[in-house]
C-alpha cells in the first residue's frame, strides 16, 4: 500500500517558501552590490516575481537589511500591491476553509 502524499505537502510547502524567501532576500543584496559596482542589475520584474510567488517577507527583509529600493516609489507601490493581494488571498482561503 502506498503512503498518502498529503502529510508531505506541508513540509514541502514550508521548504519551498523558505527557498523563495532566501532567493528574494539574496537577490536584493546581489542587486545592491551590482548597483554599487556599476554592473548589470537584476530586473525589477524578477525581484517582484520572487515576492509574488511567496518571497514577500524575504523581499522586505532584503530591502531593510541592504537599504535597497526603499525610495523608488513605483517599485514600492508594486511590492505593497503584492502584499495586499497575498493577504487577501490568504484571508479568503482561510474563510473558505473554515466555513466550507
Foldseek 3Di string as FASTA:
>chain_A
DDDDCVVVVVVVVVVVLVVLLVVLLVLLVVQLVCVVVVHDGDDLVVSLVSVLVRNLVSNVVSCVVSVGPPPVPVSVVSSVVSVVVVVVVVVVVVVVVVVD
